[in-house]
Structures are given as structure tokens and as C-alpha cells.
Amino acid sequence: MTLCLYRIDGVDVQLDGEQGTRLVLQDITFDIRAGEIVAIVGRSGVGKSTLLRALSGLVEICRGTMEFEARAVKGPPAGAVMVFQDYDNALLPWRTVGRNVELGLEGRISRKARHSVAACALEMVKLGDRADDYPRRLSGGMAQRVQIARALAIEPTVLLMDEPFGALDAMTKASLQDVLLDVQRRTGATIVFVTHDLDEAIYLSNRVIVLEGNPGSIVLMADVELPRARDQVTTRELPAFLAVRHLIGERLRGGE
């Protein structure tokens, strides 16, 4: 039986703003199993990023239960790492790529061990030859790969990714999608990510969670029953891919 990493039951989330306290998410219930890739989609402002931040322990819930590895989430869980879209500000410009990847390991293991771990993580994201470069020499796609490598270096159980490829051009995005699938295959990490790109959600994931409403709530959980080995062209042409796309698209249009 596959291990349940996250258990979320009847969760509400409130946020404080200029207009006072607002209920952003209501009655959120789902599980996340080890080794899954789960996408969260929905319109802008529906609470996708808030849900991801709640999973990361950066936002408190006000009702319900949220557990990671059978322990209540009260602050960032050990083993869960966030990867943000803003790669320009995520890397320290005065440190080399390799030393950026080593950042989370400092004080935990020796310098030699850090160097070895960082080298392996960079190889995994296909940047093994860029360890001595500085961030200013990297493209946006490369900088995002370094962010992913830095997360992988600490051997996370779960990667939480907030629109990780949203600011990239189509070709770079496709390349990084395939890098992410290869990383997941090699590490077995669980991945939860937010995206506005429905095709990306289906291509990458085992399951797509659809949020709608104000406050946001789950209106659909769609299983993606596609072969795990995926191809940017042929996978997107499969009847099963198109069927899931139609199902989710109809649900989103129905909420207009």
C-alpha cells in the first residue's frame, strides 16, 4: 500500500488584507501519496498558491486537519521544500552555481561532501558543467534548474512548486518539464505544483486538483491515467490525455 504523505481534511484558510480577514479556502479535503505528481489548477485568485503555502507550513489553517507523515503541519515540515517561479531573485549572485546548490547543506556536512552532493544534483538537472559559473551567466531556464538542484541536494520527500515554469518560453518550458519528470523517476520524490497551464498539469501529473469559487474549494480531482513515460508530442495526442483535458476544461468553463 502506498504511503500517505499528506492528509488534508476539512481545511479552511483565512488571510488578512486591507479589507480585513478573508476566507480564501474552504473545506479542502484530499490526500497526497508518496511518489505522486499532483497538479493544482484554477482561475487566478482562487487560492492555488495559498493552498501550496499551507502545505509548506508558511500559511496557517484556521479549521480542519493538515498532516504531513502523520504529524500536524505547524510550520515548514522537515522533508518539504518550496521552489518558486522567481528564479531571478532565488539565487545568490555572488555565489557560483555549485555554491548556490550547496547552500542548504552548510553546517550539516563537510565541504567535500557538499561539493559531491551539489555535483550530483546538478548532473540530475543536466547542468553538471556549470558548477563554476555565476548566476548572471545563466538563462532563465538554467536558473530554474539550479533552484531545483538546490532543492534536490537536501533530499526532500516532497517538492512544492509554485508555477515553476510560468515565466519561461514554450521550448524552455517543455525541456524543463521533461527534466522534472526525469528527476522524479530517478529520486521517487513526491511533487505538488501549481500551474495556470492545463496541458502542463496533465502532462506532468498523476492527478489534477481543480479549485473554483470564492472562497476556493475543490470541485474536481481528475486521475491522469497515462503511461508514466511521456513524450511532448505523442502523449498530448493520446485519447486519454484529450479526455482529461476536456473533463477539466468543461468544469472550469462551467464555473464561469
Protein backbone atom coordinates (compact mmCIF):
# COMPACT_ATOMS: atom_id res chain seq x y z
CA MET A 1 0.00 0.00 0.00
CA THR A 2 1.37 3.44 -0.99
CA LEU A 3 2.30 5.66 1.94
CA CYS A 4 0.05 8.69 2.52
CA LEU A 5 2.36 11.69 2.96
CA TYR A 6 -0.21 14.45 3.34
CA ARG A 7 -3.68 14.14 4.80
CA ILE A 8 -5.85 17.23 4.44
CA ASP A 9 -9.35 17.08 5.92
CA GLY A 10 -11.91 19.90 6.05
CA VAL A 11 -9.31 22.66 5.90
CA ASP A 12 -10.19 26.36 5.82
CA VAL A 13 -7.62 29.12 5.35
CA GLN A 14 -8.08 32.80 6.15
CA LEU A 15 -5.79 35.65 5.12
CA ASP A 16 -5.59 39.19 6.45
CA GLY A 17 -5.77 42.03 3.92
CA GLU A 18 -6.62 45.70 3.57
CA GLN A 19 -10.32 44.87 3.72
CA GLY A 20 -9.91 42.72 6.81
CA THR A 21 -9.83 38.95 7.22
CA ARG A 22 -10.98 36.96 4.19
CA LEU A 23 -11.78 33.27 3.87
CA VAL A 24 -9.61 32.12 0.95
CA LEU A 25 -10.04 28.33 1.04
CA GLN A 26 -12.96 26.33 2.41
CA ASP A 27 -13.45 22.66 3.24
CA ILE A 28 -10.36 21.38 1.43
CA THR A 29 -10.06 17.60 1.69
CA PHE A 30 -7.60 15.32 -0.15
CA ASP A 31 -4.58 13.06 0.37
CA ILE A 32 -1.20 13.05 -1.32
CA ARG A 33 0.55 9.71 -1.68
CA ALA A 34 4.28 9.05 -1.83
CA GLY A 35 5.68 9.23 -5.35
CA GLU A 36 2.74 11.12 -6.83
CA ILE A 37 2.92 14.20 -9.00
CA VAL A 38 -0.13 16.33 -8.20
CA ALA A 39 -1.11 19.49 -10.09
CA ILE A 40 -3.33 22.24 -8.67
CA VAL A 41 -5.19 24.35 -11.24
CA GLY A 42 -7.89 27.01 -11.23
CA ARG A 43 -8.51 30.64 -12.08
CA SER A 44 -6.32 33.46 -10.79
CA GLY A 45 -7.13 34.37 -7.21
CA VAL A 46 -8.89 31.11 -6.37
CA GLY A 47 -6.32 30.16 -3.73
CA LYS A 48 -3.92 27.80 -5.52
CA SER A 49 -0.74 29.38 -4.19
CA THR A 50 -2.32 29.77 -0.75
CA LEU A 51 -3.02 26.04 -0.68
CA LEU A 52 0.58 25.29 -1.65
CA ARG A 53 1.85 27.61 1.07
CA ALA A 54 -0.40 25.90 3.60
CA LEU A 55 1.14 22.56 2.60
CA SER A 56 4.57 24.12 3.11
CA GLY A 57 3.64 25.39 6.57
CA LEU A 58 4.09 29.03 5.54
CA VAL A 59 0.36 29.75 5.94
CA GLU A 60 -1.67 28.58 8.94
CA ILE A 61 -5.01 26.83 8.58
CA CYS A 62 -7.93 28.08 10.67
CA ARG A 63 -10.04 24.92 10.61
CA GLY A 64 -9.65 21.23 9.84
CA THR A 65 -6.66 18.91 9.85
CA MET A 66 -3.46 19.02 7.82
CA GLU A 67 -0.88 16.32 8.49
CA PHE A 68 2.46 15.50 6.90
CA GLU A 69 3.75 12.00 7.63
CA ALA A 70 1.04 11.67 10.31
CA ARG A 71 2.13 14.85 12.13
CA ALA A 72 0.19 18.11 12.25
CA VAL A 73 1.67 20.79 9.98
CA LYS A 74 2.72 23.62 12.29
CA GLY A 75 5.45 25.38 10.37
CA PRO A 76 7.54 24.03 7.47
CA PRO A 77 7.61 20.21 7.59
CA ALA A 78 11.01 18.53 7.51
CA GLY A 79 11.33 17.00 4.07
CA ALA A 80 9.12 19.51 2.20
CA VAL A 81 10.89 22.11 0.02
CA MET A 82 9.38 25.04 -1.92
CA VAL A 83 10.53 26.02 -5.42
CA PHE A 84 9.26 29.41 -6.60
CA GLN A 85 8.79 30.96 -10.05
CA ASP A 86 11.01 33.96 -9.27
CA TYR A 87 14.32 32.37 -10.20
CA ASP A 88 15.97 35.79 -10.76
CA ASN A 89 15.88 36.53 -7.04
CA ALA A 90 16.20 32.95 -5.78
CA LEU A 91 19.93 32.58 -6.46
CA LEU A 92 22.68 34.47 -4.65
CA PRO A 93 24.58 36.34 -7.39
CA TRP A 94 27.92 36.38 -5.51
CA ARG A 95 27.99 32.58 -5.21
CA THR A 96 28.76 30.17 -8.02
CA VAL A 97 26.09 27.78 -9.24
CA GLY A 98 27.67 24.96 -7.26
CA ARG A 99 27.83 27.01 -4.07
CA ASN A 100 24.20 28.08 -4.53
CA VAL A 101 23.23 24.41 -4.67
CA GLU A 102 25.29 23.71 -1.53
CA LEU A 103 23.51 26.44 0.45
CA GLY A 104 21.08 24.19 2.31
CA LEU A 105 23.86 21.76 3.25
CA GLU A 106 26.17 24.19 5.00
CA GLY A 107 26.73 23.33 8.64
CA ARG A 108 25.34 19.84 8.08
CA ILE A 109 28.06 18.01 6.16
CA SER A 110 31.71 18.61 5.23
CA ARG A 111 32.78 20.86 2.37
CA LYS A 112 33.95 17.87 0.35
CA ALA A 113 30.63 16.09 0.87
CA ARG A 114 28.70 19.27 -0.04
CA HIS A 115 30.66 19.56 -3.27
CA SER A 116 29.89 15.95 -4.17
CA VAL A 117 26.17 16.27 -3.40
CA ALA A 118 25.90 19.51 -5.38
CA ALA A 119 27.68 17.95 -8.35
CA CYS A 120 25.23 15.02 -8.36
CA ALA A 121 22.22 17.36 -8.09
CA LEU A 122 23.47 19.48 -10.98
CA GLU A 123 24.06 16.39 -13.10
CA MET A 124 20.47 15.37 -12.41
CA VAL A 125 19.16 18.63 -13.90
CA LYS A 126 21.67 18.46 -16.76
CA LEU A 127 23.88 21.33 -15.56
CA GLY A 128 26.87 19.31 -14.44
CA ASP A 129 29.25 21.50 -16.44
CA ARG A 130 28.02 24.82 -14.99
CA ALA A 131 29.01 24.47 -11.32
CA ASP A 132 31.68 27.18 -11.53
CA ASP A 133 29.52 29.71 -13.39
CA TYR A 134 27.78 32.61 -11.69
CA PRO A 135 24.00 33.14 -11.93
CA ARG A 136 24.41 36.15 -14.25
CA ARG A 137 25.65 33.78 -16.97
CA LEU A 138 22.56 31.59 -16.84
CA SER A 139 19.38 31.75 -18.89
CA GLY A 140 16.05 31.76 -17.07
CA GLY A 141 15.60 28.06 -17.68
CA MET A 142 19.07 27.27 -16.35
CA ALA A 143 18.48 29.39 -13.24
CA GLN A 144 15.29 27.46 -12.55
CA ARG A 145 17.20 24.19 -12.94
CA VAL A 146 19.67 25.42 -10.32
CA GLN A 147 16.75 26.12 -7.96
CA ILE A 148 15.53 22.57 -8.48
CA ALA A 149 19.05 21.18 -7.96
CA ARG A 150 19.38 23.13 -4.71
CA ALA A 151 16.11 21.61 -3.51
CA LEU A 152 17.22 18.10 -4.56
CA ALA A 153 20.53 18.46 -2.72
CA ILE A 154 18.82 18.18 0.66
CA GLU A 155 17.00 15.02 -0.46
CA PRO A 156 13.43 16.25 0.07
CA THR A 157 10.46 13.95 0.43
CA VAL A 158 8.21 16.49 -1.32
CA LEU A 159 8.87 19.28 -3.81
CA LEU A 160 6.25 22.05 -3.63
CA MET A 161 6.44 24.17 -6.78
CA ASP A 162 4.56 27.43 -7.37
CA GLU A 163 4.21 27.95 -11.13
CA PRO A 164 7.83 26.88 -11.59
CA PHE A 165 7.86 27.26 -15.38
CA GLY A 166 5.29 30.02 -15.80
CA ALA A 167 7.77 32.74 -16.80
CA LEU A 168 9.62 30.65 -19.40
CA ASP A 169 9.17 30.45 -23.17
CA ALA A 170 7.40 27.42 -24.63
CA MET A 171 10.50 25.49 -25.71
CA THR A 172 12.34 26.04 -22.43
CA LYS A 173 9.22 25.11 -20.51
CA ALA A 174 8.88 21.82 -22.41
CA SER A 175 12.54 20.99 -21.77
CA LEU A 176 12.19 21.65 -18.04
CA GLN A 177 9.00 19.62 -17.84
CA ASP A 178 10.95 16.63 -19.11
CA VAL A 179 13.83 17.34 -16.73
CA LEU A 180 11.35 17.34 -13.85
CA LEU A 181 9.86 14.00 -14.93
CA ASP A 182 13.36 12.52 -15.16
CA VAL A 183 14.22 13.85 -11.69
CA GLN A 184 11.06 12.33 -10.24
CA ARG A 185 11.77 8.99 -11.92
CA ARG A 186 15.30 8.90 -10.52
CA THR A 187 14.54 10.13 -7.00
CA GLY A 188 10.97 8.95 -6.37
CA ALA A 189 10.18 12.36 -4.85
CA THR A 190 6.59 13.46 -4.46
CA ILE A 191 5.84 16.67 -6.38
CA VAL A 192 2.95 19.08 -5.87
CA PHE A 193 2.79 22.07 -8.19
CA VAL A 194 0.55 24.99 -9.10
CA THR A 195 0.09 25.96 -12.73
CA HIS A 196 -2.19 28.00 -14.99
CA ASP A 197 -1.27 25.73 -17.91
CA LEU A 198 -3.82 22.91 -18.15
CA ASP A 199 -1.76 20.95 -20.68
CA GLU A 200 1.27 21.15 -18.39
CA ALA A 201 -0.82 19.93 -15.45
CA ILE A 202 -1.97 16.85 -17.36
CA TYR A 203 1.39 16.14 -19.00
CA LEU A 204 3.30 16.09 -15.72
CA SER A 205 0.88 14.73 -13.16
CA ASN A 206 -0.82 11.61 -11.91
CA ARG A 207 -3.70 13.68 -10.58
CA VAL A 208 -5.10 17.17 -11.17
CA ILE A 209 -6.93 19.06 -8.41
CA VAL A 210 -9.27 21.80 -9.65
CA LEU A 211 -10.14 24.74 -7.39
CA GLU A 212 -13.12 27.02 -8.01
CA GLY A 213 -15.21 29.60 -6.19
CA ASN A 214 -14.75 32.35 -3.63
CA PRO A 215 -13.65 31.06 -1.19
CA GLY A 216 -11.87 28.41 -3.23
CA SER A 217 -12.87 24.79 -2.85
CA ILE A 218 -12.10 21.56 -4.67
CA VAL A 219 -14.63 20.93 -7.43
CA LEU A 220 -12.82 18.11 -9.23
CA MET A 221 -9.99 15.62 -8.70
CA ALA A 222 -9.10 14.05 -12.03
CA ASP A 223 -6.84 11.00 -12.27
CA VAL A 224 -4.42 11.11 -15.20
CA GLU A 225 -4.19 7.54 -16.44
CA LEU A 226 -1.35 7.86 -18.92
CA PRO A 227 1.86 5.84 -19.33
CA ARG A 228 4.49 7.20 -16.93
CA ALA A 229 7.00 7.60 -19.78
CA ARG A 230 5.77 10.74 -21.53
CA ASP A 231 6.59 12.47 -24.78
CA GLN A 232 5.91 16.11 -25.58
CA VAL A 233 4.20 15.25 -28.86
CA THR A 234 2.72 11.76 -28.69
CA THR A 235 1.47 11.94 -25.08
CA ARG A 236 -0.54 15.07 -25.83
CA GLU A 237 -2.20 13.30 -28.76
CA LEU A 238 -3.40 10.31 -26.74
CA PRO A 239 -7.19 9.93 -26.31
CA ALA A 240 -6.73 9.65 -22.53
CA PHE A 241 -4.87 12.99 -22.45
CA LEU A 242 -7.54 14.70 -24.52
CA ALA A 243 -10.32 13.18 -22.41
CA VAL A 244 -8.86 14.55 -19.16
CA ARG A 245 -8.28 17.91 -20.81
CA HIS A 246 -11.91 18.03 -21.93
CA LEU A 247 -13.17 16.99 -18.49
CA ILE A 248 -11.20 19.69 -16.66
CA GLY A 249 -11.81 22.33 -19.32
CA GLU A 250 -15.55 21.77 -19.18
CA ARG A 251 -15.52 22.04 -15.39
CA LEU A 252 -13.58 25.29 -15.48
CA ARG A 253 -15.85 26.76 -18.16
CA GLY A 254 -18.88 25.63 -16.18
CA GLY A 255 -17.76 27.79 -13.29
CA GLU A 256 -17.84 30.98 -15.35
